Protein backbone atom coordinates (compact mmCIF):
# COMPACT_ATOMS: atom_id res chain seq x y z
CA MET A 1 46.65 12.64 28.64
CA SER A 2 46.05 14.26 25.24
CA GLY A 3 45.69 11.82 21.72
CA PHE A 4 45.60 12.41 18.06
CA GLN A 5 44.40 9.34 15.79
CA LEU A 6 44.77 10.12 11.79
CA HIS A 7 43.48 7.64 9.40
CA PHE A 8 45.10 7.42 5.35
CA SER A 9 44.72 5.32 2.59
CA SER A 10 44.21 4.29 -0.56
CA HIS A 11 40.54 3.88 -0.79
CA PRO A 12 38.13 5.91 0.79
CA VAL A 13 37.95 6.28 4.73
CA TYR A 14 34.76 6.31 6.86
CA THR A 15 35.91 6.45 10.32
CA PRO A 16 39.16 6.93 12.43
CA GLY A 17 39.23 3.53 12.25
CA ASP A 18 38.94 0.68 14.56
CA SER A 19 42.45 0.05 15.15
CA CYS A 20 46.01 1.47 15.06
CA ASP A 21 48.56 0.02 12.91
CA VAL A 22 51.10 2.65 14.64
CA LEU A 23 51.07 3.78 17.94
CA VAL A 24 53.27 6.54 18.99
CA ALA A 25 53.88 6.58 22.99
CA MET A 26 55.25 9.46 24.74
CA ASN A 27 55.34 8.26 27.78
CA ALA A 28 54.24 4.46 30.23
CA ALA A 29 50.62 6.09 30.57
CA ALA A 30 50.16 6.92 27.13
CA LEU A 31 51.05 2.96 26.06
CA LYS A 32 49.08 1.62 29.09
CA ALA A 33 45.80 3.74 28.14
CA ASN A 34 46.10 2.99 24.12
CA LEU A 35 47.76 -0.35 23.75
CA LYS A 36 44.30 -2.06 23.19
CA SER A 37 43.91 -0.33 20.49
CA LEU A 38 47.08 -1.50 18.15
CA LYS A 39 46.53 -4.41 15.99
CA LYS A 40 48.51 -7.13 17.18
CA GLY A 41 52.01 -7.00 15.23
CA GLY A 42 51.64 -3.55 14.62
CA ILE A 43 54.05 -0.76 15.35
CA ILE A 44 55.08 1.15 18.91
CA ILE A 45 57.40 3.92 19.12
CA ALA A 46 58.01 4.32 22.28
CA ASN A 47 59.51 7.63 23.89
CA THR A 48 62.31 5.87 26.24
CA ASP A 49 62.74 8.94 28.55
CA GLY A 50 59.09 8.78 29.31
CA PHE A 51 59.66 5.01 30.76
CA ASP A 52 61.26 6.40 33.74
CA ALA A 53 60.61 5.34 37.23
CA LYS A 54 58.80 8.43 37.85
CA ASN A 55 56.45 7.78 34.88
CA LEU A 56 55.88 4.05 35.48
CA ARG A 57 54.88 4.93 38.65
CA LEU A 58 52.32 7.42 37.59
CA ALA A 59 50.92 4.95 34.87
CA ASN A 60 50.20 2.55 37.94
CA TYR A 61 52.83 -0.29 36.90
CA PRO A 62 54.00 -2.53 39.51
CA GLU A 63 57.30 -1.16 40.91
CA GLY A 64 60.01 -2.99 39.00
CA THR A 65 58.09 -3.63 36.00
CA ASN A 66 58.70 -2.06 32.47
CA PRO A 67 56.66 -2.93 29.61
CA LEU A 68 59.79 -2.05 27.29
CA THR A 69 61.84 -4.98 28.79
CA ASP A 70 59.04 -7.73 30.35
CA GLY A 71 57.90 -9.27 27.43
CA SER A 72 54.69 -8.34 27.52
CA LEU A 73 54.87 -5.97 23.86
CA ASP A 74 56.83 -9.32 22.27
CA GLY A 75 53.52 -9.55 19.66
CA TYR A 76 54.33 -5.81 18.26
CA ILE A 77 57.21 -4.33 16.16
CA VAL A 78 58.60 -2.14 19.19
CA TYR A 79 61.22 1.18 18.68
CA GLU A 80 62.51 2.84 21.51
CA ILE A 81 63.62 6.10 20.70
CA ASP A 82 65.02 8.52 23.24
CA ILE A 83 62.41 11.45 21.53
CA THR A 84 63.52 13.81 24.28
CA LYS A 85 67.08 13.72 24.04
CA LEU A 86 66.82 13.69 20.34
CA THR A 87 64.62 16.74 20.28
CA ARG A 88 66.92 18.82 22.58
CA GLU A 89 70.09 17.73 20.58
CA ALA A 90 68.43 18.76 17.26
CA LEU A 91 67.63 22.31 18.68
CA LYS A 92 70.48 22.89 20.61
CA ASP A 93 71.46 25.93 18.78
CA VAL A 94 68.01 27.22 18.57
CA ASP A 95 67.32 30.06 21.20
CA LEU A 96 64.12 28.62 23.25
CA GLY A 97 64.10 27.42 26.90
CA MET A 98 63.64 23.71 27.65
CA LYS A 99 60.10 23.74 27.83
CA GLU A 100 59.78 25.42 24.46
CA LYS A 101 61.96 22.53 22.97
CA ASP A 102 60.23 20.02 24.23
CA ARG A 103 57.10 20.79 22.79
CA ALA A 104 58.97 20.07 19.56
CA LYS A 105 59.21 16.24 20.41
CA ASN A 106 55.51 15.87 18.19
CA MET A 107 57.83 17.18 15.03
CA PHE A 108 60.43 14.99 15.56
CA VAL A 109 58.36 11.89 15.45
CA LEU A 110 56.24 13.36 12.81
CA GLY A 111 59.21 13.66 10.90
CA PHE A 112 59.46 10.06 11.57
CA LEU A 113 56.75 9.06 10.58
CA TYR A 114 56.65 11.02 7.26
CA TRP A 115 59.59 8.91 6.60
CA LEU A 116 58.31 5.94 7.32
CA TYR A 117 55.30 5.84 5.10
CA ASP A 118 57.44 7.98 2.39
CA ARG A 119 55.63 10.51 2.64
CA ASN A 120 56.26 13.94 1.26
CA MET A 121 56.21 16.71 4.28
CA GLU A 122 55.69 20.10 2.10
CA SER A 123 52.08 20.66 3.77
CA THR A 124 53.39 19.96 7.14
CA ILE A 125 56.35 22.58 6.17
CA HIS A 126 53.89 25.23 4.55
CA PHE A 127 51.41 24.91 7.41
CA LEU A 128 54.23 25.56 10.04
CA GLN A 129 54.96 28.51 8.16
CA GLN A 130 51.60 29.99 7.90
CA LYS A 131 50.96 29.39 11.63
CA PHE A 132 54.61 30.41 13.42
CA GLY A 133 55.48 32.84 10.47
CA LYS A 134 55.47 35.56 12.97
CA LYS A 135 57.65 33.63 15.54
CA PRO A 136 60.70 32.89 13.98
CA LEU A 137 62.15 31.07 16.53
CA ILE A 138 59.06 28.60 17.06
CA LEU A 139 59.29 28.06 13.44
CA GLU A 140 63.08 27.43 13.08
CA GLY A 141 62.53 24.92 16.24
CA ASN A 142 59.28 23.16 14.75
CA LEU A 143 60.83 23.09 11.27
CA LYS A 144 64.66 21.50 13.08
CA ALA A 145 62.79 19.01 14.81
CA LEU A 146 60.41 17.65 11.64
CA HIS A 147 63.53 16.99 9.41
CA ALA A 148 65.86 15.83 12.31
CA GLY A 149 63.14 12.64 13.15
CA TYR A 150 62.96 12.30 8.70
CA ASN A 151 66.73 11.95 8.84
CA TYR A 152 66.64 9.71 11.95
CA GLY A 153 64.71 7.52 10.30
CA ASP A 154 66.67 7.80 6.87
CA THR A 155 70.03 7.17 8.67
CA THR A 156 69.38 4.91 11.39
CA GLU A 157 69.95 0.71 9.95
CA ALA A 158 67.98 -0.50 12.81
CA PHE A 159 64.72 0.77 10.47
CA THR A 160 64.64 -0.95 7.35
CA THR A 161 61.13 -1.01 6.22
CA ARG A 162 58.98 1.71 4.74
CA TYR A 163 55.56 1.34 3.88
CA ARG A 164 54.00 3.47 0.43
CA VAL A 165 49.94 4.26 1.00
CA ASP A 166 49.03 4.99 -2.62
CA ARG A 167 46.74 8.10 -3.12
CA ALA A 168 43.17 7.55 -2.77
CA LYS A 169 40.93 8.40 -5.98
CA MET A 170 38.51 10.99 -5.15
CA PRO A 171 36.20 13.56 -7.26
CA ARG A 172 38.74 16.66 -8.72
CA GLY A 173 38.36 19.75 -6.97
CA THR A 174 39.85 21.80 -4.25
CA TYR A 175 40.23 19.87 -0.90
CA ARG A 176 40.66 21.33 2.62
CA SER A 177 41.13 19.45 5.78
CA ILE A 178 38.27 21.04 7.99
CA THR A 179 36.75 20.07 11.45
CA GLY A 180 33.16 19.77 12.22
CA ASN A 181 33.07 23.30 14.34
CA GLN A 182 34.94 24.60 11.46
CA ALA A 183 32.85 23.71 8.46
CA LEU A 184 29.58 24.80 10.50
CA ALA A 185 31.20 28.34 11.07
CA LEU A 186 31.44 28.18 7.32
CA GLY A 187 28.51 26.86 6.62
CA LEU A 188 26.68 29.96 8.88
CA ILE A 189 28.46 32.59 7.16
CA ALA A 190 27.69 31.24 3.54
CA ALA A 191 24.08 31.41 4.49
CA SER A 192 24.38 34.78 5.96
CA GLN A 193 26.09 35.76 2.38
CA LYS A 194 23.46 34.09 0.18
CA SER A 195 20.52 35.37 2.05
CA GLY A 196 21.71 38.86 2.72
CA LEU A 197 20.87 38.40 6.32
CA PRO A 198 24.02 39.76 9.03
CA LEU A 199 24.90 36.67 11.28
CA PHE A 200 24.76 36.94 15.02
CA LEU A 201 26.21 34.23 17.13
CA GLY A 202 24.87 34.87 21.15
CA SER A 203 26.92 32.24 22.75
CA TYR A 204 28.61 31.53 26.31
CA PRO A 205 31.85 29.19 25.63
CA ILE A 206 31.49 25.71 26.59
CA THR A 207 33.15 22.33 25.39
CA PRO A 208 32.94 20.76 22.86
CA ALA A 209 30.95 23.98 20.93
CA SER A 210 33.37 26.83 21.56
CA ASP A 211 35.23 26.54 18.62
CA ILE A 212 32.50 27.99 16.85
CA LEU A 213 32.74 31.13 18.79
CA HIS A 214 36.39 31.62 17.92
CA GLU A 215 36.35 30.59 14.65
CA LEU A 216 33.16 33.14 13.64
CA SER A 217 34.85 36.32 15.76
CA LYS A 218 37.41 35.86 12.74
CA HIS A 219 35.24 37.06 10.01
CA LYS A 220 34.37 40.17 11.01
CA ASN A 221 34.78 41.41 7.22
CA PHE A 222 31.75 39.02 6.27
CA GLY A 223 29.55 41.20 8.59
CA VAL A 224 29.62 38.61 11.60
CA ARG A 225 28.97 40.01 14.82
CA THR A 226 29.70 37.51 17.96
CA PHE A 227 28.83 38.19 21.18
CA GLN A 228 30.49 36.28 24.34
CA ALA A 229 27.42 36.52 26.83
CA GLU A 230 27.51 36.26 30.84
CA ASP A 231 25.74 33.23 30.54
CA GLU A 232 23.86 30.60 28.40
CA ILE A 233 19.94 32.40 29.02
CA ALA A 234 21.45 35.81 27.44
CA GLY A 235 23.55 34.14 24.96
CA ILE A 236 20.01 32.49 23.59
CA SER A 237 18.09 35.81 24.56
CA SER A 238 20.50 38.04 22.61
CA ALA A 239 20.27 35.93 19.49
CA ILE A 240 16.49 36.54 19.54
CA GLY A 241 17.16 40.15 19.91
CA ALA A 242 18.84 40.13 16.51
CA SER A 243 16.27 37.70 14.95
CA TYR A 244 13.40 40.20 16.07
CA GLY A 245 15.66 42.85 14.56
CA GLY A 246 15.91 41.60 11.21
CA CYS A 247 19.41 39.48 11.43
CA MET A 248 19.92 35.86 11.78
CA GLY A 249 20.21 35.06 15.50
CA VAL A 250 22.43 31.62 16.46
CA THR A 251 23.50 30.71 19.77
CA THR A 252 25.94 27.57 20.43
CA THR A 253 26.05 25.05 22.85
CA SER A 254 25.75 21.59 24.28
CA GLY A 255 23.61 19.53 26.48
CA PRO A 256 23.81 21.28 29.82
CA GLY A 257 23.49 24.50 28.35
CA MET A 258 20.49 23.98 25.93
CA ALA A 259 18.77 22.69 29.11
CA LEU A 260 19.52 26.19 30.37
CA LYS A 261 18.18 27.55 27.09
CA THR A 262 14.60 26.35 26.89
CA GLU A 263 12.31 28.90 28.43
CA ALA A 264 14.31 30.92 25.86
CA MET A 265 13.07 28.73 23.21
CA GLY A 266 9.77 28.78 23.82
CA LEU A 267 9.90 32.08 23.70
CA ALA A 268 11.34 31.99 19.88
CA VAL A 269 8.58 29.02 19.45
CA MET A 270 5.92 31.62 20.48
CA LEU A 271 7.51 35.03 18.59
CA GLU A 272 8.03 32.35 15.53
CA ILE A 273 10.77 33.87 14.15
CA PRO A 274 14.20 32.29 12.84
CA LEU A 275 16.86 31.14 15.49
CA LEU A 276 19.32 28.59 15.26
CA ILE A 277 20.25 26.53 18.30
CA ILE A 278 23.64 24.64 17.85
CA ASP A 279 23.93 21.57 20.34
CA ILE A 280 27.32 19.94 19.95
CA GLN A 281 26.44 17.02 22.22
CA ARG A 282 28.71 15.73 24.94
CA GLY A 283 28.69 12.70 27.23
CA GLY A 284 26.23 13.40 30.09
CA PRO A 285 23.96 13.94 32.21
CA SER A 286 24.71 17.25 34.01
CA THR A 287 28.45 17.97 33.51
CA GLY A 288 28.80 14.29 32.66
CA LEU A 289 32.09 13.71 30.29
CA PRO A 290 32.84 17.22 28.81
CA THR A 291 35.54 16.20 26.65
CA LYS A 292 33.82 12.89 25.44
CA THR A 293 30.80 12.09 23.15
CA GLU A 294 27.51 11.37 23.24
CA GLN A 295 24.05 11.37 20.83
CA SER A 296 21.92 11.87 23.96
CA ASP A 297 20.41 14.97 23.36
CA LEU A 298 17.95 13.97 20.77
CA LEU A 299 15.35 13.62 23.22
CA GLN A 300 15.65 16.68 24.59
CA ALA A 301 15.85 18.59 20.95
CA TYR A 302 12.49 16.88 20.84
CA TYR A 303 10.69 17.18 23.66
CA GLY A 304 12.83 19.02 26.49
CA ARG A 305 10.57 22.22 26.70
CA ASN A 306 7.50 23.07 28.74
CA GLY A 307 4.21 22.94 27.03
CA GLU A 308 3.51 22.13 23.63
CA CYS A 309 6.94 23.60 21.73
CA PRO A 310 7.69 22.28 18.47
CA MET A 311 10.82 22.90 16.57
CA PRO A 312 12.45 21.12 13.61
CA VAL A 313 15.64 19.28 14.58
CA ILE A 314 18.13 18.28 11.40
CA ALA A 315 21.56 16.88 12.55
CA ALA A 316 25.01 16.56 10.76
CA ALA A 317 26.59 13.19 9.54
CA THR A 318 30.50 14.07 9.44
CA PRO A 319 32.96 16.89 9.74
CA SER A 320 32.07 18.08 6.57
CA ASP A 321 28.60 17.36 6.14
CA CYS A 322 28.45 20.22 8.97
CA PHE A 323 28.46 22.77 6.01
CA SER A 324 25.91 21.75 3.79
CA ALA A 325 23.39 20.58 7.22
CA VAL A 326 23.51 24.08 8.94
CA TYR A 327 23.22 25.75 5.53
CA GLU A 328 19.89 23.93 5.30
CA ALA A 329 18.98 24.58 8.83
CA PHE A 330 19.66 28.26 8.32
CA ARG A 331 17.14 28.03 5.37
CA ILE A 332 14.51 26.16 7.36
CA ALA A 333 14.85 28.94 10.01
CA VAL A 334 14.19 31.65 7.72
CA GLN A 335 11.87 30.89 5.24
CA HIS A 336 9.48 28.80 7.81
CA MET A 337 10.16 31.30 10.21
CA THR A 338 10.77 29.08 12.94
CA PRO A 339 13.56 28.24 15.67
CA VAL A 340 15.40 25.12 14.16
CA ILE A 341 17.69 22.97 16.49
CA PHE A 342 21.03 21.37 14.85
CA LEU A 343 22.98 18.42 16.35
CA SER A 344 26.34 17.42 15.89
CA ASP A 345 28.33 16.34 18.90
CA GLY A 346 32.12 15.92 20.44
CA TYR A 347 33.04 13.28 17.66
CA ILE A 348 32.00 15.01 14.76
CA ALA A 349 33.43 18.51 16.11
CA ASN A 350 36.96 18.04 16.48
CA GLY A 351 37.04 15.21 13.82
CA ALA A 352 38.55 16.17 10.53
CA GLU A 353 38.30 14.84 6.94
CA PRO A 354 39.17 16.11 3.26
CA TRP A 355 36.46 18.49 2.37
CA ARG A 356 35.97 19.31 -1.75
CA PHE A 357 34.27 23.06 -0.46
CA PRO A 358 31.91 24.67 -2.99
CA ARG A 359 31.84 27.84 -5.08
CA ALA A 360 29.52 30.26 -4.11
CA ALA A 361 27.91 30.14 -7.47
CA ASP A 362 27.00 26.69 -6.68
CA LEU A 363 25.42 27.16 -3.68
CA PRO A 364 21.46 27.38 -3.57
CA PRO A 365 20.07 30.72 -3.00
CA ILE A 366 17.94 31.46 0.21
CA GLU A 367 14.87 33.83 -0.55
CA VAL A 368 14.11 35.85 2.58
CA LYS A 369 10.98 38.16 2.71
CA PHE A 370 10.40 41.10 4.90
CA LYS A 371 7.03 42.54 5.31
CA THR A 372 8.01 46.20 4.71
CA GLN A 373 4.45 47.77 4.16
CA LEU A 374 0.45 46.98 4.63
CA ASP A 375 -0.91 45.39 1.63
CA GLU A 376 -3.54 46.82 -0.69
CA GLY A 377 -6.87 46.82 1.25
CA GLU A 378 -4.77 45.68 4.46
CA GLU A 379 -6.04 48.18 7.38
CA LYS A 380 -4.22 46.80 10.54
CA PHE A 381 -0.82 44.99 10.37
CA MET A 382 -1.69 41.16 11.51
CA PRO A 383 1.31 39.48 12.79
CA TYR A 384 0.13 36.52 13.10
CA GLN A 385 -2.38 36.22 9.35
CA ARG A 386 -0.57 32.87 8.34
CA ASP A 387 0.54 31.65 4.25
CA GLU A 388 -0.59 28.45 3.09
CA ARG A 389 2.48 26.84 4.93
CA TYR A 390 1.13 28.00 8.46
CA VAL A 391 4.08 30.99 8.20
CA ARG A 392 3.61 34.04 9.54
CA PRO A 393 5.23 37.45 7.90
CA TRP A 394 8.60 38.43 9.03
CA ALA A 395 8.44 42.42 10.07
CA VAL A 396 11.53 44.32 11.20
CA PRO A 397 10.87 46.51 14.37
CA GLY A 398 10.65 50.21 13.43
CA THR A 399 8.87 49.76 9.78
CA PRO A 400 5.95 52.17 9.72
CA GLY A 401 2.48 50.87 10.50
CA LEU A 402 4.02 47.27 11.46
CA GLU A 403 4.29 47.67 15.54
CA HIS A 404 3.38 44.33 16.77
CA ARG A 405 3.01 42.77 20.44
CA ILE A 406 6.05 40.13 21.57
CA GLY A 407 6.32 37.90 24.49
CA GLY A 408 5.74 34.75 25.59
CA LEU A 409 2.28 34.79 26.59
CA GLU A 410 -0.52 32.81 24.34
CA LYS A 411 -1.10 34.49 21.12
CA GLN A 412 -4.31 35.32 19.86
CA HIS A 413 -4.81 34.38 15.94
CA ILE A 414 -4.24 36.69 13.55
CA THR A 415 -3.94 39.44 15.80
CA GLY A 416 -1.10 38.39 17.91
CA ASN A 417 -2.61 40.29 21.55
CA VAL A 418 -2.35 38.32 24.61
CA SER A 419 -5.12 35.53 24.63
CA TYR A 420 -6.22 33.34 27.51
CA ASP A 421 -8.92 31.89 25.71
CA PRO A 422 -9.32 28.28 25.73
CA ASP A 423 -9.96 27.77 22.37
CA ASN A 424 -7.77 29.90 20.98
CA HIS A 425 -4.97 28.17 22.61
CA GLN A 426 -5.25 24.57 21.49
CA LEU A 427 -6.01 26.20 18.07
CA MET A 428 -2.17 28.04 18.20
CA VAL A 429 -0.70 24.95 19.51
CA LYS A 430 -2.25 22.79 16.72
CA LEU A 431 -1.08 25.89 14.21
CA ARG A 432 2.55 25.86 15.24
CA GLN A 433 2.78 21.81 15.24
CA ALA A 434 1.25 22.16 11.80
CA LYS A 435 3.81 24.48 10.62
CA VAL A 436 6.63 22.41 11.84
CA ASP A 437 4.88 19.56 10.06
CA ALA A 438 4.88 21.04 6.74
CA VAL A 439 8.58 21.31 6.86
CA ALA A 440 8.67 18.00 5.31
CA ASP A 441 6.61 19.25 2.32
CA ASP A 442 10.19 21.70 2.02
CA ILE A 443 12.47 18.67 2.29
CA PRO A 444 14.07 16.02 -0.18
CA LEU A 445 12.48 12.64 0.11
CA GLN A 446 14.47 10.02 2.33
CA THR A 447 17.33 7.87 0.17
CA ILE A 448 19.05 4.78 0.37
CA ASP A 449 22.89 5.33 1.15
CA SER A 450 23.47 1.96 -0.12
CA GLY A 451 22.23 -1.30 -0.33
CA PRO A 452 19.13 -2.76 -2.12
CA GLU A 453 15.84 -1.17 -1.77
CA LYS A 454 13.97 -4.24 -0.01
CA GLY A 455 15.81 -6.55 2.12
CA ASP A 456 16.63 -8.85 5.43
CA LEU A 457 17.41 -5.76 7.40
CA LEU A 458 17.99 -1.99 7.09
CA VAL A 459 20.69 0.12 9.60
CA LEU A 460 18.99 3.27 10.50
CA GLY A 461 21.71 5.95 11.42
CA TRP A 462 21.78 9.71 12.35
CA GLY A 463 24.40 12.13 13.51
CA SER A 464 27.79 11.08 13.66
CA THR A 465 27.14 7.16 13.43
CA TYR A 466 27.58 7.42 9.34
CA GLY A 467 31.15 6.64 9.13
CA ALA A 468 30.66 3.40 11.00
CA ILE A 469 27.48 1.83 9.71
CA LYS A 470 28.65 2.89 6.04
CA GLY A 471 32.04 0.90 6.49
CA ALA A 472 30.06 -2.00 8.25
CA VAL A 473 27.26 -2.34 5.86
CA LYS A 474 29.52 -2.03 2.83
CA SER A 475 31.48 -4.85 3.80
CA LEU A 476 28.67 -6.90 4.37
CA GLN A 477 27.15 -6.19 0.92
CA ALA A 478 30.49 -7.27 -0.59
CA GLN A 479 29.93 -10.46 1.74
CA GLY A 480 26.91 -11.19 0.15
CA TYR A 481 24.36 -10.05 2.55
CA ALA A 482 21.25 -8.32 1.82
CA VAL A 483 21.57 -5.23 4.09
CA ALA A 484 20.95 -1.45 3.85
CA HIS A 485 22.00 1.51 5.20
CA ALA A 486 19.82 4.84 5.13
CA HIS A 487 20.91 8.17 7.19
CA LEU A 488 18.79 10.92 8.55
CA ARG A 489 19.54 14.16 8.18
CA TYR A 490 15.73 15.31 8.73
CA LEU A 491 14.94 14.37 12.06
CA ARG A 492 11.59 16.57 13.03
CA PRO A 493 9.99 16.43 10.98
CA PHE A 494 10.82 12.95 9.11
CA PRO A 495 10.84 13.21 5.20
CA LYS A 496 7.62 12.10 3.96
CA ASN A 497 8.64 8.81 2.53
CA LEU A 498 10.29 7.33 5.48
CA GLY A 499 7.51 5.15 6.95
CA GLU A 500 7.41 3.36 3.28
CA ILE A 501 11.37 2.74 3.35
CA LEU A 502 10.99 1.34 6.73
CA ARG A 503 8.34 -1.28 5.97
CA ASN A 504 10.52 -2.26 2.94
CA TYR A 505 12.70 -4.54 4.96
CA LYS A 506 12.54 -7.56 7.20
CA GLN A 507 14.21 -5.65 10.45
CA VAL A 508 15.42 -2.35 11.17
CA LEU A 509 18.41 -1.45 13.45
CA ILE A 510 19.09 2.00 14.67
CA PRO A 511 23.00 2.07 16.29
CA GLU A 512 22.74 4.86 18.57
CA ILE A 513 25.56 6.49 21.02
CA ASN A 514 23.11 6.94 23.48
CA ASN A 515 20.60 4.39 25.37
CA GLY A 516 17.95 4.07 22.83
CA GLN A 517 16.40 7.39 21.52
CA LEU A 518 15.89 7.47 17.80
CA ILE A 519 14.54 3.82 18.23
CA LYS A 520 11.57 5.45 20.67
CA ILE A 521 10.38 8.11 18.60
CA ILE A 522 10.95 5.50 15.23
CA ARG A 523 8.22 3.00 17.25
CA ASP A 524 6.38 5.46 18.06
CA GLN A 525 5.22 7.24 14.84
CA PHE A 526 5.67 4.29 12.31
CA LEU A 527 4.79 1.43 14.77
CA ILE A 528 8.24 -0.52 13.57
CA ASP A 529 9.41 -3.02 16.03
CA ALA A 530 13.19 -1.81 15.47
CA LYS A 531 16.11 -3.00 17.30
CA GLY A 532 18.79 -0.92 18.87
CA TYR A 533 22.36 -1.18 19.28
CA HIS A 534 23.45 1.19 22.18
CA LYS A 535 26.83 2.06 22.81
CA ILE A 536 27.33 4.84 25.95
CA MET A 537 31.05 4.92 26.83
CA GLY A 538 32.00 8.13 25.24
CA ILE A 539 33.75 6.81 22.49
CA PRO A 540 32.19 6.00 19.03
CA ILE A 541 30.77 2.83 17.71
CA THR A 542 33.43 1.26 15.51
CA LYS A 543 32.55 -0.56 12.44
CA SER A 544 33.64 -3.61 13.57
CA GLU A 545 31.77 -4.31 16.63
CA LEU A 546 28.48 -3.35 14.25
CA GLU A 547 29.31 -5.47 11.70
CA GLU A 548 29.54 -8.63 13.97
CA HIS A 549 26.38 -7.38 15.80
CA ILE A 550 24.58 -7.54 11.99
CA LYS A 551 25.69 -10.75 11.71
CA SER A 552 23.84 -11.92 14.56
CA LEU A 553 20.95 -10.46 13.94
CA LEU A 554 21.09 -12.06 10.15
CA ALA A 555 22.14 -15.35 12.21
């Protein structure tokens, strides 16, 4: 069973909504699974064809029980529509099979909802024309079903109430609806173009990251190369090879795949070359809940490799934020010569929101420096000779005079030769850590998203908890509570002023979709007695539950 949730409003929207005003149930199982998400007094649009004896039995209703007739829905406004029959009737003259006609049921319902909310259908009509322009029968069927649903609402006297939601006031610009994975792919392309580095993706398909491979494969016109590898290890190894050869290597995965990539990630840390490891988190452990969301890979991103193996870690907060966040991850990787882990999750990856996309001229440049020759007075290339930021030079193979050894064995300081010397090993471990720590000098200071700079409580978040935290905190601020919200993009290293911000509040609350991971790191690094709010159900934290929890802390 699949579903889709849409939240639209006359004011800014931060989440898909805690509860629904309207539930469309195509069958009994859909009603049973989603009724708890519907507000009391809300509208149910029920496809009566999906409530026959077979569907009721499959939904595990007791024999002889039908929720449409037993009074259990008396607290709701129920519209019983035989959507299947009406859709087939609308498409009786279209030369499609019954299976294809029944697929248009969603369009019938969408048309009805357009009528119910007094909305213009032009955007959907344009979308259908773009998507099915080369399949005229499919296009005709969808358009007829869409109009039939609208006309059904317009001509049926049973429906006497319509709703109008005013347009939200948003900054001027050109917008598009975008999912997290789409925004991420476009951010990689933009960074590739601004840096002048060819983009290479080496990936093995895995839910919910596969869409990035699909999206990037459409953009060969930008010089993007995509490689669907035979396994996770081959995916990251090919990306490391691409980076060694002067491209920007990227590999995408989810938690189980990142576990398989760890030795190769260590190789990239030893080589000190740019690489992006993109982890679209899902429920775990093992194969866990492939289609459900979690934030449970943060400790894996921090510590999940053998040996001392530090990497910067960056997380996106919303679907559209994936564009700018991965652009920044790309910049850090190439300018600090280090692999970078980028964290998203299933909630962000598959969620969509309006995105005001930037002009190319407005994007910050990404300066890339290759070493192309020996410097004056330099007799031999020293691949691990570092600058003041501990960054070693990037030399493309085949450049005369710049030959150097690569591999996963420990490097000798400056020369890059294999070394088993204990003092050298300790030095190199410290240098690699210092290089990651130095990234803190090259990122913005942490800001407060909303609320007072000092107060009773700071809600500190990262990743996809952003919308729920923002909504809850703004609601509490309107009620007079001295509550603030800060959200982390840079998880390793932290912004340099984070500790100072944390100490400005009497309490710190860290909501996470895991069993408490960021809170462990915050307590360790800042000795702050932070409190956690943890939800591990494969579904996001809601605004209302978080608001109630904050009130209980402040009581």
